N, C-alpha and C. Protein backbone atom coordinates (compact mmCIF):
# COMPACT_ATOMS: atom_id res chain seq x y z
N MET A 1 17.75 37.67 81.67
CA MET A 1 18.50 37.54 80.58
C MET A 1 18.79 36.42 80.20
N TYR A 2 18.78 35.99 78.65
CA TYR A 2 19.56 34.82 79.12
C TYR A 2 20.31 34.78 78.11
N ARG A 3 21.63 33.98 77.89
CA ARG A 3 23.02 33.57 77.23
C ARG A 3 22.24 32.79 76.08
N ILE A 4 22.86 33.13 75.01
CA ILE A 4 23.00 32.31 73.67
C ILE A 4 23.95 32.49 72.74
N LEU A 5 24.15 30.61 72.47
CA LEU A 5 25.51 31.28 71.61
C LEU A 5 25.08 30.34 70.18
N LEU A 6 25.49 31.28 69.04
CA LEU A 6 25.03 31.38 67.54
C LEU A 6 26.07 30.77 66.89
N VAL A 7 25.55 29.45 66.60
CA VAL A 7 26.56 28.93 65.69
C VAL A 7 26.83 28.94 64.09
N GLU A 8 27.13 29.91 64.15
CA GLU A 8 27.42 30.83 62.63
C GLU A 8 27.78 31.07 61.92
N ASP A 9 28.63 30.38 60.74
CA ASP A 9 29.94 30.87 59.92
C ASP A 9 29.88 31.98 59.06
N ASP A 10 28.34 32.29 59.26
CA ASP A 10 28.36 34.01 57.73
C ASP A 10 28.42 34.30 59.09
N TYR A 11 29.74 35.55 58.60
CA TYR A 11 29.84 36.27 59.65
C TYR A 11 29.11 38.06 59.71
N SER A 12 28.27 37.82 58.38
CA SER A 12 27.37 39.33 58.61
C SER A 12 26.46 38.91 58.47
N LEU A 13 25.65 37.39 58.19
CA LEU A 13 24.31 37.32 59.21
C LEU A 13 24.39 37.58 60.44
N ALA A 14 25.64 36.73 61.13
CA ALA A 14 26.09 36.37 62.59
C ALA A 14 26.06 37.38 63.28
N LEU A 15 26.34 38.68 62.55
CA LEU A 15 26.34 39.71 63.15
C LEU A 15 24.61 40.94 63.26
N GLU A 16 23.75 40.62 62.09
CA GLU A 16 22.25 41.03 61.75
C GLU A 16 21.64 39.82 63.16
N MET A 17 21.70 39.01 63.16
CA MET A 17 20.81 37.79 63.87
C MET A 17 21.68 38.34 65.00
N LYS A 18 22.67 38.63 65.52
CA LYS A 18 23.13 39.12 67.25
C LYS A 18 22.80 39.80 67.12
N LYS A 19 22.55 41.27 66.87
CA LYS A 19 21.53 42.78 67.01
C LYS A 19 20.33 42.32 67.22
N GLN A 20 19.49 41.16 66.22
CA GLN A 20 18.20 41.43 66.53
C GLN A 20 18.13 40.91 67.97
N ILE A 21 18.17 39.44 67.65
CA ILE A 21 17.93 39.17 69.10
C ILE A 21 18.76 39.87 70.61
N GLU A 22 19.57 40.07 70.37
CA GLU A 22 19.99 41.25 71.62
C GLU A 22 18.79 42.57 71.94
N GLY A 23 18.34 42.80 70.72
CA GLY A 23 17.20 43.76 70.92
C GLY A 23 15.99 43.52 71.69
N TYR A 24 16.36 42.36 71.80
CA TYR A 24 15.01 41.81 72.72
C TYR A 24 15.93 41.59 74.21
N GLY A 25 16.75 42.15 74.12
CA GLY A 25 17.05 41.77 75.96
C GLY A 25 18.46 40.77 76.20
N ASN A 26 18.34 39.40 75.24
CA ASN A 26 19.18 38.26 75.65
C ASN A 26 20.02 38.59 75.56
N GLU A 27 21.68 38.04 75.90
CA GLU A 27 23.28 38.17 75.73
C GLU A 27 23.60 36.98 74.10
N VAL A 28 23.78 37.47 73.46
CA VAL A 28 24.57 36.16 72.37
C VAL A 28 26.18 36.27 72.35
N ARG A 29 25.96 35.13 72.29
CA ARG A 29 27.94 35.08 71.48
C ARG A 29 28.14 34.60 70.28
N THR A 30 29.16 34.56 69.22
CA THR A 30 29.44 33.35 67.97
C THR A 30 30.43 32.77 68.57
N VAL A 31 30.57 31.94 68.00
CA VAL A 31 31.00 30.86 67.82
C VAL A 31 32.38 31.29 66.94
N SER A 32 33.38 31.41 67.54
CA SER A 32 34.76 31.86 66.84
C SER A 32 35.37 30.75 65.63
N ASP A 33 35.75 29.79 66.58
CA ASP A 33 37.05 28.65 66.49
C ASP A 33 36.38 28.01 65.93
N PHE A 34 35.69 27.09 64.91
CA PHE A 34 34.18 26.02 64.26
C PHE A 34 35.79 24.57 64.37
N HIS A 35 36.80 24.50 64.69
CA HIS A 35 37.48 23.71 65.20
C HIS A 35 36.71 23.25 66.41
N ASN A 36 36.32 23.93 67.54
CA ASN A 36 36.30 23.77 69.05
C ASN A 36 34.72 24.76 69.39
N VAL A 37 33.68 23.92 68.62
CA VAL A 37 32.44 23.88 68.95
C VAL A 37 32.45 23.87 70.27
N LEU A 38 32.21 22.69 70.21
CA LEU A 38 32.35 22.29 72.13
C LEU A 38 32.71 22.50 73.72
N GLU A 39 33.29 23.22 72.54
CA GLU A 39 34.92 24.01 74.32
C GLU A 39 34.20 25.49 74.24
N GLU A 40 33.55 26.33 72.87
CA GLU A 40 33.50 27.67 72.82
C GLU A 40 31.98 27.15 73.96
N PHE A 41 31.51 25.90 73.47
CA PHE A 41 29.76 25.83 73.93
C PHE A 41 30.35 25.48 75.28
N THR A 42 31.24 24.82 75.53
CA THR A 42 31.24 24.04 77.44
C THR A 42 31.40 25.78 78.84
N VAL A 43 32.66 26.35 77.45
CA VAL A 43 32.69 27.47 78.30
C VAL A 43 31.68 28.86 78.25
N TYR A 44 31.06 28.58 77.84
CA TYR A 44 30.58 29.66 77.76
C TYR A 44 28.76 29.58 78.65
N ASP A 45 28.65 27.65 78.28
CA ASP A 45 27.18 27.42 79.22
C ASP A 45 26.09 28.42 78.68
N PRO A 46 25.66 28.34 77.40
CA PRO A 46 24.92 29.43 76.78
C PRO A 46 23.61 28.32 77.76
N ASP A 47 22.44 28.94 76.81
CA ASP A 47 20.75 28.88 77.94
C ASP A 47 19.88 28.25 76.59
N LEU A 48 20.73 28.21 75.75
CA LEU A 48 20.10 27.79 73.63
C LEU A 48 21.13 28.45 73.53
N VAL A 49 21.10 27.24 71.63
CA VAL A 49 22.06 27.23 70.85
C VAL A 49 21.15 27.46 70.14
N LEU A 50 21.75 28.42 68.76
CA LEU A 50 21.20 28.51 67.10
C LEU A 50 22.24 27.71 66.56
N MET A 51 21.84 26.95 65.88
CA MET A 51 22.40 26.08 65.40
C MET A 51 22.78 25.99 63.25
N ASP A 52 23.90 26.45 63.25
CA ASP A 52 23.22 26.03 61.27
C ASP A 52 23.77 24.88 60.98
N ILE A 53 23.81 23.95 59.57
CA ILE A 53 24.15 23.65 59.88
C ILE A 53 25.25 22.81 59.00
N MET A 54 24.59 23.59 57.62
CA MET A 54 26.49 23.83 57.17
C MET A 54 27.73 24.90 57.55
N LEU A 55 28.82 23.95 58.48
CA LEU A 55 29.50 24.92 58.68
C LEU A 55 31.13 24.49 58.47
N PRO A 56 31.91 24.81 59.05
CA PRO A 56 33.14 24.47 57.68
C PRO A 56 33.52 23.36 59.17
N TYR A 57 34.14 22.26 58.53
CA TYR A 57 35.10 21.67 58.74
C TYR A 57 34.20 20.61 59.59
N LYS A 58 32.99 20.23 60.59
CA LYS A 58 31.70 19.19 60.56
C LYS A 58 30.49 20.28 60.90
N ASP A 59 29.65 19.22 60.39
CA ASP A 59 28.08 20.40 60.18
C ASP A 59 27.88 20.01 61.55
N GLY A 60 26.54 20.65 61.91
CA GLY A 60 25.81 20.91 62.92
C GLY A 60 25.43 20.00 63.85
N TYR A 61 25.56 18.70 62.98
CA TYR A 61 24.47 17.73 62.78
C TYR A 61 25.36 16.61 63.93
N TYR A 62 26.80 17.21 63.94
CA TYR A 62 28.33 16.83 64.56
C TYR A 62 27.70 17.44 65.90
N TRP A 63 28.01 18.49 65.56
CA TRP A 63 28.33 19.16 67.46
C TRP A 63 27.23 19.88 68.08
N THR A 64 25.75 19.47 67.08
CA THR A 64 24.73 18.80 68.19
C THR A 64 24.82 17.42 68.18
N ALA A 65 25.22 16.72 67.90
CA ALA A 65 25.56 15.18 68.94
C ALA A 65 26.23 15.16 70.10
N GLU A 66 27.45 15.60 69.82
CA GLU A 66 28.63 16.36 70.77
C GLU A 66 27.86 17.20 71.82
N ILE A 67 26.87 18.33 71.46
CA ILE A 67 26.42 18.70 72.92
C ILE A 67 25.28 17.28 73.39
N ARG A 68 24.65 17.07 72.97
CA ARG A 68 23.70 16.13 73.90
C ARG A 68 24.46 14.74 74.32
N ARG A 69 25.56 14.82 74.02
CA ARG A 69 26.76 13.94 75.79
C ARG A 69 26.29 13.78 77.01
N ASN A 70 25.81 15.53 76.76
CA ASN A 70 26.45 16.01 78.29
C ASN A 70 25.23 17.03 78.73
N SER A 71 24.47 17.77 77.18
CA SER A 71 23.52 18.45 77.99
C SER A 71 22.44 18.81 77.80
N VAL A 72 21.34 19.30 77.52
CA VAL A 72 19.82 19.10 77.44
C VAL A 72 19.26 20.53 76.82
N VAL A 73 20.10 21.65 76.96
CA VAL A 73 20.61 22.82 76.88
C VAL A 73 19.53 22.52 75.55
N PRO A 74 18.22 23.65 74.87
CA PRO A 74 17.69 23.79 74.25
C PRO A 74 18.02 24.05 72.89
N ILE A 75 18.64 23.19 71.76
CA ILE A 75 19.24 23.62 70.67
C ILE A 75 18.05 24.08 69.13
N ILE A 76 18.11 25.24 68.65
CA ILE A 76 17.98 25.37 67.39
C ILE A 76 18.09 25.61 66.85
N PHE A 77 17.51 24.51 65.55
CA PHE A 77 18.32 25.12 64.16
C PHE A 77 17.79 25.85 62.87
N VAL A 78 18.66 27.02 62.67
CA VAL A 78 18.86 27.79 61.58
C VAL A 78 19.87 27.53 60.47
N SER A 79 19.00 27.71 59.32
CA SER A 79 19.63 26.73 58.76
C SER A 79 18.92 27.11 56.99
N SER A 80 19.38 27.00 55.77
CA SER A 80 18.67 27.21 54.66
C SER A 80 18.76 25.96 53.80
N ALA A 81 19.02 24.93 54.54
CA ALA A 81 19.00 23.47 53.70
C ALA A 81 17.85 23.00 55.05
N SER A 82 16.39 23.72 54.04
CA SER A 82 15.65 23.58 55.07
C SER A 82 14.49 22.66 54.42
N ASP A 83 14.76 21.08 52.92
CA ASP A 83 13.93 20.00 52.80
C ASP A 83 13.56 19.24 54.36
N ASN A 84 12.48 18.61 53.94
CA ASN A 84 12.21 17.33 54.89
C ASN A 84 12.90 16.57 55.81
N MET A 85 14.06 16.38 54.98
CA MET A 85 15.29 15.30 55.40
C MET A 85 15.99 16.00 55.91
N ASN A 86 16.39 17.08 55.97
CA ASN A 86 17.31 17.65 57.19
C ASN A 86 16.23 18.47 58.43
N VAL A 87 15.01 18.56 57.47
CA VAL A 87 14.47 19.28 59.43
C VAL A 87 13.82 17.94 60.48
N VAL A 88 14.03 16.55 59.56
CA VAL A 88 13.26 15.83 60.29
C VAL A 88 14.34 15.04 60.98
N MET A 89 15.79 15.34 59.69
CA MET A 89 17.12 15.18 60.57
C MET A 89 17.70 15.42 62.05
N ALA A 90 17.07 16.95 61.79
CA ALA A 90 18.07 17.93 62.89
C ALA A 90 17.09 17.53 63.76
N ILE A 91 15.83 17.56 64.17
CA ILE A 91 14.95 17.13 64.95
C ILE A 91 15.80 16.05 65.89
N ASN A 92 15.54 14.63 64.39
CA ASN A 92 16.00 13.34 65.64
C ASN A 92 16.98 13.27 65.86
N MET A 93 17.97 14.66 65.65
CA MET A 93 19.23 14.21 66.24
C MET A 93 19.15 15.02 68.11
N GLY A 94 18.23 15.94 67.85
CA GLY A 94 18.29 16.73 68.78
C GLY A 94 17.96 17.51 68.95
N GLY A 95 17.27 18.12 68.11
CA GLY A 95 17.39 19.63 68.20
C GLY A 95 15.78 20.22 68.79
N ASP A 96 15.78 21.41 68.61
CA ASP A 96 14.02 21.26 69.85
C ASP A 96 13.14 22.19 68.46
N ASP A 97 13.37 22.80 67.05
CA ASP A 97 13.49 23.36 66.53
C ASP A 97 14.11 23.91 65.17
N PHE A 98 13.59 24.22 64.51
CA PHE A 98 14.45 24.69 63.19
C PHE A 98 13.22 25.85 62.37
N ILE A 99 14.33 26.52 62.09
CA ILE A 99 14.36 27.96 61.44
C ILE A 99 14.95 28.11 60.17
N ALA A 100 13.93 28.21 58.96
CA ALA A 100 14.93 28.11 57.68
C ALA A 100 15.26 29.85 57.37
N LYS A 101 16.40 30.10 56.65
CA LYS A 101 16.88 30.97 55.90
C LYS A 101 16.07 31.00 55.17
N PRO A 102 15.85 32.42 54.32
CA PRO A 102 16.62 33.91 55.26
C PRO A 102 15.77 34.01 56.06
N VAL A 103 16.33 34.48 57.84
CA VAL A 103 15.47 34.47 59.27
C VAL A 103 14.77 35.44 58.56
N GLU A 104 13.78 35.46 59.34
CA GLU A 104 12.94 36.66 59.63
C GLU A 104 12.70 36.99 60.92
N PRO A 105 13.27 38.41 61.22
CA PRO A 105 13.44 38.54 62.54
C PRO A 105 12.96 38.16 63.46
N MET A 106 11.01 38.59 63.40
CA MET A 106 10.18 38.30 64.31
C MET A 106 9.94 37.19 64.42
N LEU A 107 10.11 36.51 63.94
CA LEU A 107 9.71 34.88 63.37
C LEU A 107 11.00 34.81 64.47
N LEU A 108 12.51 34.65 63.99
CA LEU A 108 13.68 34.37 65.51
C LEU A 108 13.20 34.52 66.75
N ASN A 109 12.23 35.43 67.63
CA ASN A 109 13.02 36.09 67.96
C ASN A 109 11.97 35.34 68.94
N ALA A 110 10.43 35.35 67.89
CA ALA A 110 9.16 34.67 68.73
C ALA A 110 9.76 33.43 69.72
N LYS A 111 10.45 32.54 68.65
CA LYS A 111 10.88 30.88 68.21
C LYS A 111 11.32 30.74 69.91
N ILE A 112 12.69 31.87 69.35
CA ILE A 112 13.54 31.75 70.87
C ILE A 112 12.77 31.99 72.02
N GLN A 113 11.87 32.93 71.99
CA GLN A 113 11.52 33.69 73.67
C GLN A 113 10.33 32.51 73.98
N ALA A 114 9.83 31.24 73.24
CA ALA A 114 8.75 31.25 73.44
C ALA A 114 9.61 29.83 73.87
N ILE A 115 10.56 29.37 73.40
CA ILE A 115 10.87 28.00 74.15
C ILE A 115 12.03 28.20 74.97
N LEU A 116 12.94 29.32 75.55
CA LEU A 116 13.09 29.84 76.59
C LEU A 116 12.22 29.97 77.73
N ARG A 117 11.56 30.55 77.95
CA ARG A 117 9.71 30.18 78.63
C ARG A 117 9.74 28.74 78.94
N ARG A 118 9.38 27.94 77.70
CA ARG A 118 8.45 26.75 78.26
C ARG A 118 10.02 25.78 78.70
N THR A 119 11.65 26.17 78.91
CA THR A 119 12.59 25.74 79.21
C THR A 119 12.88 25.79 80.65
N TYR A 120 12.30 27.45 80.52
CA TYR A 120 12.90 27.88 82.01
C TYR A 120 11.73 28.55 82.96
N GLU A 121 10.74 29.04 82.02
CA GLU A 121 9.84 30.20 83.13
C GLU A 121 9.00 29.09 84.14
N ILE A 122 7.89 28.04 82.96
CA ILE A 122 7.01 27.00 82.65
C ILE A 122 6.97 25.88 83.61
N GLY A 123 7.04 26.39 84.83
CA GLY A 123 7.07 24.90 85.84
C GLY A 123 8.18 25.17 86.61
N VAL A 124 8.11 24.04 88.18
CA VAL A 124 9.00 24.58 88.83
C VAL A 124 10.55 23.53 88.31
N ASN A 125 10.71 22.12 87.79
CA ASN A 125 11.85 21.82 86.83
C ASN A 125 11.48 21.08 85.70
N LEU A 126 12.04 21.49 84.89
CA LEU A 126 11.71 20.66 83.16
C LEU A 126 13.00 19.65 82.68
N ASN A 127 13.74 19.50 84.62
CA ASN A 127 14.56 18.73 83.91
C ASN A 127 14.16 17.08 84.92
N THR A 128 13.02 17.16 84.70
CA THR A 128 12.39 15.81 85.35
C THR A 128 11.40 15.13 84.40
N VAL A 129 11.11 14.25 84.17
CA VAL A 129 9.86 14.16 83.43
C VAL A 129 9.29 13.01 83.86
N GLU A 130 7.47 13.11 84.28
CA GLU A 130 7.31 12.00 84.68
C GLU A 130 6.31 11.15 83.07
N PHE A 131 6.98 9.67 84.22
CA PHE A 131 5.68 8.11 83.51
C PHE A 131 5.57 7.35 84.10
N HIS A 132 5.17 6.46 83.65
CA HIS A 132 3.95 5.19 84.29
C HIS A 132 4.63 5.00 86.35
N GLY A 133 5.10 6.72 86.88
CA GLY A 133 4.81 6.74 88.29
C GLY A 133 6.14 6.87 88.10
N ALA A 134 7.43 6.71 87.61
CA ALA A 134 8.63 7.06 87.27
C ALA A 134 9.30 8.36 87.13
N THR A 135 10.27 8.64 87.60
CA THR A 135 10.58 10.33 87.03
C THR A 135 11.56 9.50 86.16
N LEU A 136 11.66 10.83 85.63
CA LEU A 136 13.49 10.84 83.88
C LEU A 136 13.91 11.74 84.38
N ASN A 137 15.38 12.07 85.37
CA ASN A 137 16.00 12.71 85.59
C ASN A 137 17.07 13.31 84.30
N LEU A 138 16.59 14.31 83.97
CA LEU A 138 17.54 14.48 82.29
C LEU A 138 18.72 15.39 82.78
N SER A 139 19.06 15.78 84.08
CA SER A 139 20.49 16.40 84.30
C SER A 139 21.07 15.06 85.36
N ALA A 140 20.84 14.21 85.87
CA ALA A 140 21.95 13.35 86.21
C ALA A 140 21.40 11.96 85.47
N CYS A 141 21.18 11.83 84.09
CA CYS A 141 20.38 11.12 83.14
C CYS A 141 20.60 9.34 84.25
N SER A 142 19.11 9.83 84.85
CA SER A 142 18.97 8.24 85.57
C SER A 142 17.22 8.32 85.72
N VAL A 143 17.54 7.06 86.16
CA VAL A 143 15.75 6.92 87.05
C VAL A 143 15.24 6.40 88.46
N ILE A 144 13.88 7.52 88.52
CA ILE A 144 13.91 7.10 90.45
C ILE A 144 12.31 6.58 89.89
N VAL A 145 12.43 5.30 90.86
CA VAL A 145 11.37 4.85 91.77
C VAL A 145 10.91 4.69 92.71
N ASN A 146 9.92 5.25 92.93
CA ASN A 146 9.67 4.76 94.69
C ASN A 146 10.55 5.69 95.16
N GLY A 147 11.44 6.52 94.90
CA GLY A 147 12.82 7.51 96.07
C GLY A 147 13.90 6.46 95.83
N GLU A 148 14.14 5.77 94.55
CA GLU A 148 15.09 5.26 94.73
C GLU A 148 15.76 5.12 93.08
N THR A 149 16.96 4.98 93.17
CA THR A 149 17.90 5.57 91.96
C THR A 149 17.53 4.56 90.99
N ILE A 150 17.57 4.83 89.89
CA ILE A 150 18.64 3.37 88.62
C ILE A 150 19.29 4.28 88.49
N ASP A 151 20.58 3.58 88.06
CA ASP A 151 21.74 4.71 87.52
C ASP A 151 22.07 3.56 86.06
N LEU A 152 21.76 4.79 85.01
CA LEU A 152 21.54 4.24 83.44
C LEU A 152 22.92 4.79 82.71
N THR A 153 23.40 3.83 81.76
CA THR A 153 23.86 4.48 80.92
C THR A 153 24.19 5.48 79.98
N LYS A 154 24.82 5.73 79.39
CA LYS A 154 24.33 6.44 78.44
C LYS A 154 23.66 6.65 77.34
N ASN A 155 23.92 5.03 76.79
CA ASN A 155 23.16 4.79 76.23
C ASN A 155 21.55 4.18 76.18
N GLU A 156 21.81 3.49 77.78
CA GLU A 156 20.44 3.65 78.37
C GLU A 156 19.81 4.92 78.32
N PHE A 157 20.10 5.70 78.71
CA PHE A 157 19.25 6.98 78.66
C PHE A 157 19.08 7.90 77.70
N ARG A 158 20.00 8.18 76.68
CA ARG A 158 19.62 8.20 75.43
C ARG A 158 18.12 7.11 74.76
N ILE A 159 18.00 6.46 75.33
CA ILE A 159 16.73 5.20 74.28
C ILE A 159 15.86 5.65 75.53
N LEU A 160 16.30 5.26 76.66
CA LEU A 160 14.41 6.08 77.43
C LEU A 160 14.16 7.57 77.52
N GLN A 161 14.80 8.49 77.22
CA GLN A 161 14.65 9.30 76.80
C GLN A 161 14.03 9.57 75.72
N THR A 162 14.14 9.06 74.52
CA THR A 162 13.83 9.47 73.60
C THR A 162 12.69 8.75 73.47
N LEU A 163 12.51 7.44 73.88
CA LEU A 163 10.63 7.17 74.41
C LEU A 163 10.09 7.32 74.57
N VAL A 164 10.38 8.22 76.16
CA VAL A 164 9.45 9.08 76.73
C VAL A 164 9.01 10.01 75.97
N GLU A 165 10.02 11.11 75.03
CA GLU A 165 9.78 12.15 74.27
C GLU A 165 8.56 12.13 73.34
N ASN A 166 8.40 10.08 72.89
CA ASN A 166 7.60 10.32 71.92
C ASN A 166 6.77 9.05 72.23
N ARG A 167 5.88 8.84 74.09
CA ARG A 167 5.09 8.55 74.55
C ARG A 167 3.74 7.77 73.52
N GLY A 168 3.59 7.09 73.12
CA GLY A 168 2.32 6.27 72.76
C GLY A 168 2.73 6.21 71.21
N LYS A 169 3.96 6.81 70.42
CA LYS A 169 4.02 6.77 69.27
C LYS A 169 5.86 5.88 69.29
N ILE A 170 5.18 4.77 68.30
CA ILE A 170 6.01 4.12 67.86
C ILE A 170 7.41 4.22 67.13
N VAL A 171 9.21 4.40 67.65
CA VAL A 171 9.90 4.88 67.62
C VAL A 171 10.85 4.25 66.33
N SER A 172 11.29 4.05 65.67
CA SER A 172 11.82 3.18 64.64
C SER A 172 13.41 2.65 65.00
N ARG A 173 13.67 1.48 65.00
CA ARG A 173 14.98 1.03 64.95
C ARG A 173 15.81 2.61 65.01
N GLU A 174 15.28 2.42 63.35
CA GLU A 174 16.80 3.84 62.87
C GLU A 174 16.53 4.92 63.35
N THR A 175 15.74 5.61 63.80
CA THR A 175 15.51 6.69 64.82
C THR A 175 16.41 5.89 66.10
N LEU A 176 16.13 5.70 66.55
CA LEU A 176 16.93 4.98 67.74
C LEU A 176 19.09 4.49 67.70
N MET A 177 19.44 4.81 66.27
CA MET A 177 20.25 4.14 65.80
C MET A 177 21.13 5.21 65.61
N ILE A 178 20.44 6.74 64.85
CA ILE A 178 20.50 7.78 64.18
C ILE A 178 21.02 8.35 65.93
N ARG A 179 19.73 8.11 66.95
CA ARG A 179 20.31 9.00 68.13
C ARG A 179 21.59 8.67 68.87
N LEU A 180 22.16 7.02 68.81
CA LEU A 180 22.77 7.20 69.72
C LEU A 180 23.54 7.19 69.23
N TRP A 181 24.39 6.81 67.83
CA TRP A 181 25.50 6.35 67.31
C TRP A 181 25.63 7.53 65.69
N ASN A 182 25.76 9.28 65.69
CA ASN A 182 25.35 9.51 64.86
C ASN A 182 27.11 9.70 64.65
N ASP A 183 27.96 8.88 63.84
CA ASP A 183 28.85 9.10 63.70
C ASP A 183 29.85 8.14 62.47
N ASP A 184 30.56 7.65 61.73
CA ASP A 184 30.59 6.68 60.73
C ASP A 184 30.66 5.49 60.27
N CYS A 185 31.28 5.54 61.95
CA CYS A 185 31.04 4.12 62.55
C CYS A 185 30.04 3.29 61.97
N PHE A 186 30.30 1.71 61.78
CA PHE A 186 29.49 0.94 61.82
C PHE A 186 29.18 -0.04 62.95
N VAL A 187 27.91 0.17 63.38
CA VAL A 187 27.45 -0.14 64.31
C VAL A 187 26.03 -1.11 64.27
N GLU A 188 26.82 -2.64 64.23
CA GLU A 188 25.43 -3.98 64.48
C GLU A 188 24.17 -3.24 64.96
N GLU A 189 23.06 -3.50 64.32
CA GLU A 189 22.03 -3.68 64.85
C GLU A 189 21.23 -3.63 66.22
N ASN A 190 22.45 -5.11 66.20
CA ASN A 190 22.01 -6.41 67.75
C ASN A 190 22.46 -5.77 69.11
N THR A 191 22.99 -4.37 68.42
CA THR A 191 23.26 -3.56 69.46
C THR A 191 22.49 -2.72 70.22
N LEU A 192 21.70 -2.50 69.83
CA LEU A 192 20.88 -1.74 69.78
C LEU A 192 19.52 -2.71 70.45
N THR A 193 19.67 -3.83 70.25
CA THR A 193 18.45 -5.01 70.72
C THR A 193 19.37 -4.82 72.35
N VAL A 194 20.60 -5.51 72.73
CA VAL A 194 21.60 -5.76 73.61
C VAL A 194 21.00 -4.37 74.16
N ASN A 195 20.84 -2.62 74.27
CA ASN A 195 21.52 -1.98 75.40
C ASN A 195 19.53 -1.75 75.74
N VAL A 196 19.00 -1.80 74.32
CA VAL A 196 17.40 -2.00 75.15
C VAL A 196 16.53 -3.29 75.74
N THR A 197 17.74 -4.24 75.99
CA THR A 197 16.87 -5.14 76.58
C THR A 197 18.01 -4.74 78.06
N ARG A 198 18.62 -4.55 78.49
CA ARG A 198 19.34 -3.92 79.61
C ARG A 198 19.29 -2.88 80.18
N LEU A 199 18.13 -1.97 79.15
CA LEU A 199 17.32 -1.66 80.15
C LEU A 199 16.16 -1.97 80.16
N ARG A 200 15.43 -2.52 79.79
CA ARG A 200 14.30 -2.93 80.64
C ARG A 200 14.30 -3.72 81.33
N ARG A 201 15.63 -4.59 81.70
CA ARG A 201 16.22 -5.56 82.82
C ARG A 201 16.21 -4.25 84.60
N LYS A 202 16.77 -3.19 83.85
CA LYS A 202 16.70 -1.89 85.01
C LYS A 202 15.38 -1.74 85.66
N LEU A 203 14.46 -1.73 84.58
CA LEU A 203 13.31 -1.06 85.10
C LEU A 203 12.51 -2.12 85.17
N GLU A 204 12.28 -3.47 85.25
CA GLU A 204 11.65 -4.13 85.64
C GLU A 204 12.21 -5.47 87.06
N GLU A 205 13.34 -4.94 86.99
CA GLU A 205 13.89 -5.15 88.31
C GLU A 205 13.46 -3.90 89.67
N ASN A 206 13.84 -2.66 89.19
CA ASN A 206 12.72 -1.70 89.79
C ASN A 206 11.16 -1.47 89.92
N GLY A 207 10.06 -2.94 89.47
CA GLY A 207 8.54 -2.58 89.10
C GLY A 207 8.27 -2.65 88.33
N LEU A 208 8.88 -1.33 87.25
CA LEU A 208 8.02 -0.73 85.68
C LEU A 208 8.65 -2.29 84.85
N THR A 209 7.51 -3.19 85.37
CA THR A 209 7.36 -3.86 84.33
C THR A 209 6.38 -3.77 82.64
N GLY A 210 6.68 -3.87 81.89
CA GLY A 210 6.57 -3.67 80.04
C GLY A 210 5.95 -1.91 80.40
N VAL A 211 6.92 -1.21 80.27
CA VAL A 211 6.99 0.05 80.34
C VAL A 211 7.40 0.18 78.58
N ILE A 212 8.38 -0.40 78.48
CA ILE A 212 8.90 -0.85 77.08
C ILE A 212 8.57 -1.71 76.18
N GLN A 213 7.59 -1.34 74.60
CA GLN A 213 6.90 -2.45 74.45
C GLN A 213 7.83 -2.47 72.94
N THR A 214 7.71 -3.67 72.35
CA THR A 214 8.07 -3.74 71.33
C THR A 214 7.49 -4.02 70.19
N ARG A 215 7.98 -3.37 68.70
CA ARG A 215 6.84 -3.44 67.88
C ARG A 215 8.15 -4.20 67.11
N PRO A 216 7.85 -5.65 66.52
CA PRO A 216 8.42 -6.48 65.97
C PRO A 216 8.97 -5.95 64.13
N GLY A 217 9.84 -6.07 63.77
CA GLY A 217 10.78 -5.04 62.92
C GLY A 217 10.17 -3.39 62.56
N ILE A 218 9.71 -2.59 63.84
CA ILE A 218 9.70 -1.69 63.65
C ILE A 218 9.85 -0.58 64.29
N GLY A 219 9.91 -1.32 65.70
CA GLY A 219 10.41 0.05 66.76
C GLY A 219 10.22 -0.56 68.32
N TYR A 220 10.63 0.74 69.15
CA TYR A 220 10.02 -0.02 70.60
C TYR A 220 8.97 1.72 71.07
N MET A 221 8.12 0.78 71.68
CA MET A 221 7.50 2.62 72.44
C MET A 221 7.17 2.52 73.62
N ILE A 222 6.87 3.08 74.47
CA ILE A 222 6.53 3.82 75.37
C ILE A 222 4.69 4.15 75.41
N SER A 223 3.90 3.55 76.59
CA SER A 223 2.37 3.91 76.27
C SER A 223 2.29 4.88 76.93
């Protein structure tokens, strides 16, 4: 049985979804205090989060960013704001999937079971990802090369994780900026360049030369 946190402010809909999901053998807790979603997440320590976008006080993007600061728990967005822009934003913010409202119970549970199975049942440890002979440790926010651990800052880890997740694809500077700084503060583009340069230097000092490739005027990629 897995623990699922449901972040949905429509009380009747939340109860209905809770009933549907628990019918498949999982445990569901609904958020009661939308001022303190992160606190409820931390206390419950769920295996998966169902996140609405339109919430009181702060939206689902904000709470997803807060969760992603310290956790790689799977997050499925469930929202009526299902236009392409919101779907892309949800995935770029760290969402693992998107389900449009009105929710179809069979589809909801199928996607929940698929992500839970992929995350916790397939493979020994999906908290590590291999690339270029190195191991990205998602739990420890570090990289292991030849048995040696390279400690990364929070931003360096997020950059590397995003690039590894999109291996073979160019990740735009805009996407990285959103992944790193999803708030209302203005951040100079040079700040991203500084973080990438520092990350590249750490990798090169440990023998991972040329791993991060720059596509001038576009972004970065790992082949």
